[in-house]
N, C-alpha and C. Protein backbone atom coordinates (compact mmCIF):
# COMPACT_ATOMS: atom_id res chain seq x y z
N MET A 1 97.69 -98.14 -128.00
CA MET A 1 98.07 -96.59 -127.86
C MET A 1 99.52 -96.12 -127.46
N ILE A 2 100.36 -96.90 -127.47
CA ILE A 2 101.47 -97.08 -127.16
C ILE A 2 102.57 -96.03 -127.89
N GLY A 3 102.32 -95.28 -128.77
CA GLY A 3 102.59 -94.37 -130.31
C GLY A 3 101.85 -93.12 -129.64
N GLY A 4 100.59 -92.98 -129.07
CA GLY A 4 99.95 -92.06 -129.21
C GLY A 4 99.93 -90.48 -128.37
N ILE A 5 101.15 -90.84 -127.56
CA ILE A 5 101.31 -90.00 -126.90
C ILE A 5 102.99 -89.21 -127.13
N GLY A 6 103.70 -90.12 -128.14
CA GLY A 6 104.09 -89.55 -128.89
C GLY A 6 104.56 -88.92 -130.18
N GLU A 7 103.10 -88.85 -130.96
CA GLU A 7 102.89 -88.66 -131.88
C GLU A 7 102.18 -87.11 -131.81
N LYS A 8 101.61 -86.75 -130.61
CA LYS A 8 101.50 -85.21 -130.38
C LYS A 8 102.40 -84.77 -130.32
N LYS A 9 103.24 -85.08 -129.25
CA LYS A 9 104.41 -84.27 -129.29
C LYS A 9 105.40 -84.38 -130.30
N SER A 10 105.24 -84.66 -131.12
CA SER A 10 106.31 -84.74 -132.72
C SER A 10 105.46 -83.58 -133.22
N SER A 11 104.16 -83.43 -133.69
CA SER A 11 103.77 -82.28 -134.08
C SER A 11 103.88 -81.02 -134.31
N GLY A 12 104.30 -81.35 -132.49
CA GLY A 12 104.37 -79.63 -131.92
C GLY A 12 105.98 -79.17 -131.31
N SER A 13 106.42 -80.49 -131.60
CA SER A 13 107.85 -80.67 -131.71
C SER A 13 108.28 -79.48 -133.20
N GLY A 14 107.65 -80.11 -134.03
CA GLY A 14 107.96 -79.35 -135.64
C GLY A 14 107.38 -78.56 -135.55
N PHE A 15 106.41 -78.21 -135.37
CA PHE A 15 106.47 -76.32 -134.99
C PHE A 15 107.40 -75.57 -134.06
N TRP A 16 107.45 -76.22 -132.86
CA TRP A 16 109.12 -75.39 -132.42
C TRP A 16 110.53 -74.88 -132.82
N LEU A 17 110.34 -76.58 -134.17
CA LEU A 17 111.63 -76.78 -134.32
C LEU A 17 111.68 -75.43 -135.88
N TRP A 18 110.92 -75.32 -136.62
CA TRP A 18 110.36 -74.53 -137.28
C TRP A 18 110.62 -72.70 -136.81
N VAL A 19 110.12 -72.84 -135.87
CA VAL A 19 109.98 -71.26 -135.51
C VAL A 19 111.80 -70.84 -134.44
N LEU A 20 112.65 -72.42 -134.41
CA LEU A 20 113.66 -72.15 -133.50
C LEU A 20 114.33 -72.06 -135.15
N ILE A 21 114.42 -72.17 -136.51
CA ILE A 21 115.20 -72.43 -137.54
C ILE A 21 114.71 -70.90 -138.21
N SER A 22 113.15 -70.13 -137.70
CA SER A 22 113.00 -69.21 -138.16
C SER A 22 113.82 -67.89 -137.55
N VAL A 23 114.19 -68.06 -136.44
CA VAL A 23 114.58 -67.38 -135.39
C VAL A 23 116.51 -67.72 -136.22
N ILE A 24 116.40 -68.22 -136.15
CA ILE A 24 118.06 -68.35 -135.98
C ILE A 24 118.25 -67.66 -137.68
N VAL A 25 117.56 -68.35 -138.97
CA VAL A 25 117.94 -67.61 -139.86
C VAL A 25 117.38 -65.91 -140.16
N ILE A 26 116.76 -64.99 -139.50
CA ILE A 26 116.42 -64.16 -139.87
C ILE A 26 117.91 -63.49 -138.38
N GLY A 27 117.88 -63.83 -137.67
CA GLY A 27 119.11 -63.53 -136.47
C GLY A 27 120.10 -63.32 -137.55
N SER A 28 120.41 -63.90 -138.47
CA SER A 28 121.73 -64.65 -139.34
C SER A 28 121.51 -63.60 -140.14
N PHE A 29 120.70 -63.39 -140.44
CA PHE A 29 120.59 -61.52 -141.24
C PHE A 29 121.07 -60.29 -141.10
N PHE A 30 120.22 -60.29 -140.10
CA PHE A 30 120.65 -59.23 -139.23
C PHE A 30 121.87 -59.00 -138.94
N LEU A 31 122.57 -60.12 -138.42
CA LEU A 31 123.83 -59.85 -137.92
C LEU A 31 124.72 -60.29 -139.84
N LEU A 32 124.39 -60.85 -140.38
CA LEU A 32 125.33 -60.55 -141.37
C LEU A 32 125.05 -59.28 -142.43
N LEU A 33 123.95 -58.59 -142.40
CA LEU A 33 123.60 -57.21 -143.23
C LEU A 33 124.94 -55.77 -143.12
N PRO A 34 125.11 -55.74 -141.57
CA PRO A 34 126.15 -54.99 -141.79
C PRO A 34 127.71 -55.18 -142.49
N VAL A 35 127.73 -56.41 -141.86
CA VAL A 35 128.94 -57.16 -142.81
C VAL A 35 128.82 -57.19 -144.12
N TYR A 36 127.92 -57.25 -144.77
CA TYR A 36 128.07 -57.17 -146.23
C TYR A 36 127.73 -55.50 -146.94
N ARG A 37 127.02 -54.88 -146.55
CA ARG A 37 127.17 -53.16 -146.21
C ARG A 37 129.07 -52.84 -146.43
N GLU A 38 129.40 -53.15 -145.54
CA GLU A 38 130.90 -52.94 -144.90
C GLU A 38 131.39 -53.48 -146.28
N TYR A 39 131.71 -55.01 -146.41
CA TYR A 39 131.94 -55.53 -147.88
C TYR A 39 131.78 -54.67 -148.89
N GLY A 40 130.91 -54.11 -149.33
CA GLY A 40 130.09 -53.39 -150.77
C GLY A 40 131.11 -51.81 -150.95
N LYS A 41 130.93 -51.57 -149.30
CA LYS A 41 132.21 -49.88 -149.24
C LYS A 41 133.46 -50.60 -149.94
N LYS A 42 134.43 -51.47 -148.96
CA LYS A 42 135.09 -51.87 -149.46
C LYS A 42 135.55 -52.58 -150.65
N ARG A 43 134.87 -53.21 -151.25
CA ARG A 43 135.15 -53.29 -153.15
C ARG A 43 134.78 -51.75 -153.14
N ASP A 44 134.19 -50.71 -153.08
CA ASP A 44 134.20 -49.90 -154.20
C ASP A 44 135.31 -49.11 -153.79
N GLU A 45 135.97 -48.45 -152.76
CA GLU A 45 137.14 -47.92 -152.43
C GLU A 45 138.16 -49.28 -152.85
N TYR A 46 137.80 -50.20 -152.75
CA TYR A 46 139.05 -51.18 -154.14
C TYR A 46 139.08 -50.77 -154.92
N ALA A 47 138.11 -50.69 -156.22
CA ALA A 47 138.09 -50.49 -156.88
C ALA A 47 138.56 -49.30 -157.56
N GLN A 48 138.00 -48.10 -157.17
CA GLN A 48 138.89 -46.65 -156.89
C GLN A 48 140.17 -46.61 -156.45
N LEU A 49 140.53 -47.26 -155.75
CA LEU A 49 142.10 -47.10 -155.54
C LEU A 49 142.99 -48.13 -157.03
N ARG A 50 142.61 -48.95 -157.22
CA ARG A 50 143.14 -49.46 -158.65
C ARG A 50 143.30 -48.50 -159.28
N ALA A 51 141.76 -47.89 -159.97
CA ALA A 51 141.66 -46.45 -160.87
C ALA A 51 142.92 -45.66 -160.10
N GLU A 52 143.06 -45.22 -159.20
CA GLU A 52 144.29 -44.35 -159.07
C GLU A 52 145.77 -45.00 -159.38
N ARG A 53 145.72 -45.72 -158.67
CA ARG A 53 147.27 -46.66 -158.86
C ARG A 53 147.57 -46.41 -160.75
N ALA A 54 146.26 -47.33 -161.19
CA ALA A 54 146.48 -47.22 -162.68
C ALA A 54 146.82 -45.70 -163.39
N ALA A 55 146.27 -44.86 -162.60
CA ALA A 55 146.82 -43.41 -163.16
C ALA A 55 148.08 -43.23 -163.08
N LEU A 56 148.27 -43.29 -161.74
CA LEU A 56 149.59 -42.74 -161.25
C LEU A 56 150.24 -43.35 -161.79
N GLN A 57 150.64 -45.19 -162.55
CA GLN A 57 151.38 -45.47 -162.83
C GLN A 57 151.67 -45.56 -164.77
N GLN A 58 150.93 -44.77 -164.89
CA GLN A 58 150.44 -43.79 -166.49
C GLN A 58 151.74 -42.74 -166.12
N GLU A 59 151.26 -42.23 -165.04
CA GLU A 59 152.21 -40.69 -165.25
C GLU A 59 153.70 -41.10 -164.99
N LEU A 60 153.76 -42.06 -164.29
CA LEU A 60 155.37 -42.16 -163.85
C LEU A 60 155.79 -42.71 -165.22
N GLN A 61 155.14 -43.38 -165.85
CA GLN A 61 155.65 -43.94 -167.29
C GLN A 61 155.92 -42.56 -167.88
N ARG A 62 155.33 -41.51 -168.12
CA ARG A 62 155.70 -41.03 -168.73
C ARG A 62 156.52 -39.97 -167.96
N LYS A 63 156.66 -40.03 -167.36
CA LYS A 63 157.68 -38.83 -166.36
C LYS A 63 159.36 -39.86 -166.73
N GLN A 64 159.49 -41.07 -166.12
CA GLN A 64 160.39 -42.03 -166.98
C GLN A 64 160.68 -41.35 -168.41
N LYS A 65 159.72 -41.76 -169.34
CA LYS A 65 159.94 -41.62 -170.74
C LYS A 65 160.72 -39.50 -170.68
N GLN A 66 160.52 -38.98 -170.18
CA GLN A 66 160.97 -37.41 -169.89
C GLN A 66 161.79 -37.62 -169.85
N VAL A 67 162.35 -38.13 -168.74
CA VAL A 67 163.84 -37.88 -168.02
C VAL A 67 164.96 -38.81 -168.99
N ARG A 68 164.13 -39.80 -169.83
CA ARG A 68 165.30 -40.50 -170.43
C ARG A 68 165.59 -39.62 -171.35
N ASP A 69 164.50 -39.09 -172.65
CA ASP A 69 164.26 -38.03 -173.03
C ASP A 69 165.78 -37.01 -172.67
N LEU A 70 165.23 -36.49 -171.78
CA LEU A 70 166.34 -35.40 -171.17
C LEU A 70 167.60 -35.82 -171.19
N GLU A 71 167.74 -36.96 -170.52
CA GLU A 71 169.13 -37.59 -170.66
C GLU A 71 170.04 -37.65 -172.03
N SER A 72 169.17 -38.40 -172.93
CA SER A 72 169.66 -38.46 -174.27
C SER A 72 169.46 -37.42 -175.12
N SER A 73 168.88 -36.55 -175.39
CA SER A 73 168.39 -35.99 -176.55
C SER A 73 168.80 -34.31 -176.08
N PRO A 74 169.97 -33.94 -176.64
CA PRO A 74 170.12 -32.32 -177.06
C PRO A 74 168.74 -31.33 -177.11
N GLY A 75 167.84 -31.94 -177.99
CA GLY A 75 166.62 -30.93 -178.36
C GLY A 75 165.76 -31.11 -177.37
N GLU A 76 165.22 -32.45 -176.64
CA GLU A 76 164.77 -32.32 -175.15
C GLU A 76 165.07 -31.04 -174.47
N ILE A 77 166.11 -30.91 -174.09
CA ILE A 77 166.64 -30.16 -172.83
C ILE A 77 166.44 -28.49 -173.56
N GLU A 78 166.50 -28.53 -175.08
CA GLU A 78 166.55 -27.25 -175.62
C GLU A 78 164.79 -26.79 -175.41
N LYS A 79 164.46 -27.87 -175.45
CA LYS A 79 162.22 -27.72 -175.73
C LYS A 79 162.53 -27.06 -174.65
N VAL A 80 162.74 -27.61 -172.81
CA VAL A 80 162.45 -27.50 -171.85
C VAL A 80 162.86 -25.92 -171.48
N ALA A 81 164.33 -25.77 -171.78
CA ALA A 81 164.70 -24.28 -171.20
C ALA A 81 163.91 -23.42 -171.92
N ARG A 82 163.55 -23.87 -172.75
CA ARG A 82 162.84 -22.95 -173.59
C ARG A 82 161.20 -22.56 -173.19
N GLU A 83 160.66 -23.27 -172.59
CA GLU A 83 159.36 -23.77 -172.26
C GLU A 83 159.55 -23.15 -170.49
N LYS A 84 160.03 -23.88 -169.53
CA LYS A 84 160.28 -23.55 -168.38
C LYS A 84 161.39 -22.54 -168.14
N PHE A 85 162.17 -22.18 -168.55
CA PHE A 85 163.10 -20.89 -168.34
C PHE A 85 162.93 -20.00 -168.93
N ASN A 86 162.21 -19.95 -169.96
CA ASN A 86 162.18 -18.59 -171.37
C ASN A 86 163.51 -18.34 -171.76
N GLN A 87 164.11 -19.32 -171.91
CA GLN A 87 165.34 -18.92 -172.78
C GLN A 87 164.69 -19.20 -174.54
N GLY A 88 166.18 -18.48 -175.16
CA GLY A 88 165.95 -18.70 -176.10
C GLY A 88 167.59 -18.85 -177.03
N LYS A 89 167.63 -18.23 -178.04
CA LYS A 89 168.55 -18.22 -178.49
C LYS A 89 169.75 -16.83 -178.82
N LYS A 90 170.82 -16.94 -178.77
CA LYS A 90 170.86 -15.80 -179.73
C LYS A 90 170.54 -14.81 -180.60
N GLY A 91 170.16 -13.43 -180.00
CA GLY A 91 169.28 -12.98 -181.35
C GLY A 91 167.95 -12.45 -180.87
N GLU A 92 167.50 -13.88 -180.56
CA GLU A 92 166.19 -14.25 -180.67
C GLU A 92 165.64 -13.16 -179.31
N THR A 93 163.86 -12.95 -179.55
CA THR A 93 163.09 -12.29 -178.90
C THR A 93 162.52 -13.30 -177.93
N THR A 94 162.31 -13.25 -176.81
CA THR A 94 161.49 -13.88 -176.29
C THR A 94 160.29 -13.12 -175.56
N TYR A 95 159.31 -13.89 -175.63
CA TYR A 95 158.11 -13.26 -175.06
C TYR A 95 156.90 -14.13 -174.48
N VAL A 96 156.85 -13.14 -173.34
CA VAL A 96 156.09 -14.08 -172.09
C VAL A 96 154.56 -13.54 -172.22
N TYR A 97 153.61 -14.53 -171.86
CA TYR A 97 152.40 -14.19 -172.42
C TYR A 97 151.45 -14.50 -170.76
N GLU A 98 150.88 -13.99 -170.00
CA GLU A 98 149.99 -14.55 -168.63
C GLU A 98 148.99 -14.64 -169.51
N MET A 99 148.22 -15.42 -168.62
CA MET A 99 146.03 -15.23 -168.62
C MET A 99 146.15 -14.47 -167.91
N PRO A 100 145.15 -13.50 -168.11
CA PRO A 100 144.36 -12.41 -167.12
C PRO A 100 143.47 -13.58 -165.71
N LYS A 101 143.99 -13.21 -164.93
CA LYS A 101 143.64 -14.03 -163.97
C LYS A 101 141.91 -13.25 -163.89
N GLU A 102 140.90 -14.02 -163.37
CA GLU A 102 139.50 -14.01 -163.18
C GLU A 102 139.01 -13.10 -162.27
N GLU A 103 138.48 -12.40 -162.54
CA GLU A 103 138.13 -11.50 -160.90
C GLU A 103 136.80 -12.11 -160.74
N LYS A 104 137.30 -11.74 -159.13
CA LYS A 104 136.63 -12.78 -157.57
C LYS A 104 135.07 -12.57 -158.19
N LYS A 105 134.26 -13.60 -158.20
CA LYS A 105 132.83 -12.87 -157.87
C LYS A 105 132.11 -12.89 -156.20
N LYS A 106 131.58 -11.90 -156.60
CA LYS A 106 131.39 -10.70 -155.22
C LYS A 106 129.75 -11.30 -154.92
């Protein structure tokens, strides 16, 4: 009966080993859960910022094209002068239509 004492000890230590492993796993879960949630928020924020960046790049390209057109095309300059500054050619009458303002709801 030399190994009899050791056998009882190993079966009891196996139980405590499983308890220790369970505590470590559960503790890790609770420690990592807030980090994972924060990661999800940052991932969503990153996707939103990428979409905003793409929209801003498109707007930048559109404005760069407009500047190139204004630098090289007299017709584009005339178009802008007519639209933004209400100018016309000699002998033309310029009409300005303003949209009616909506009445404030009470």
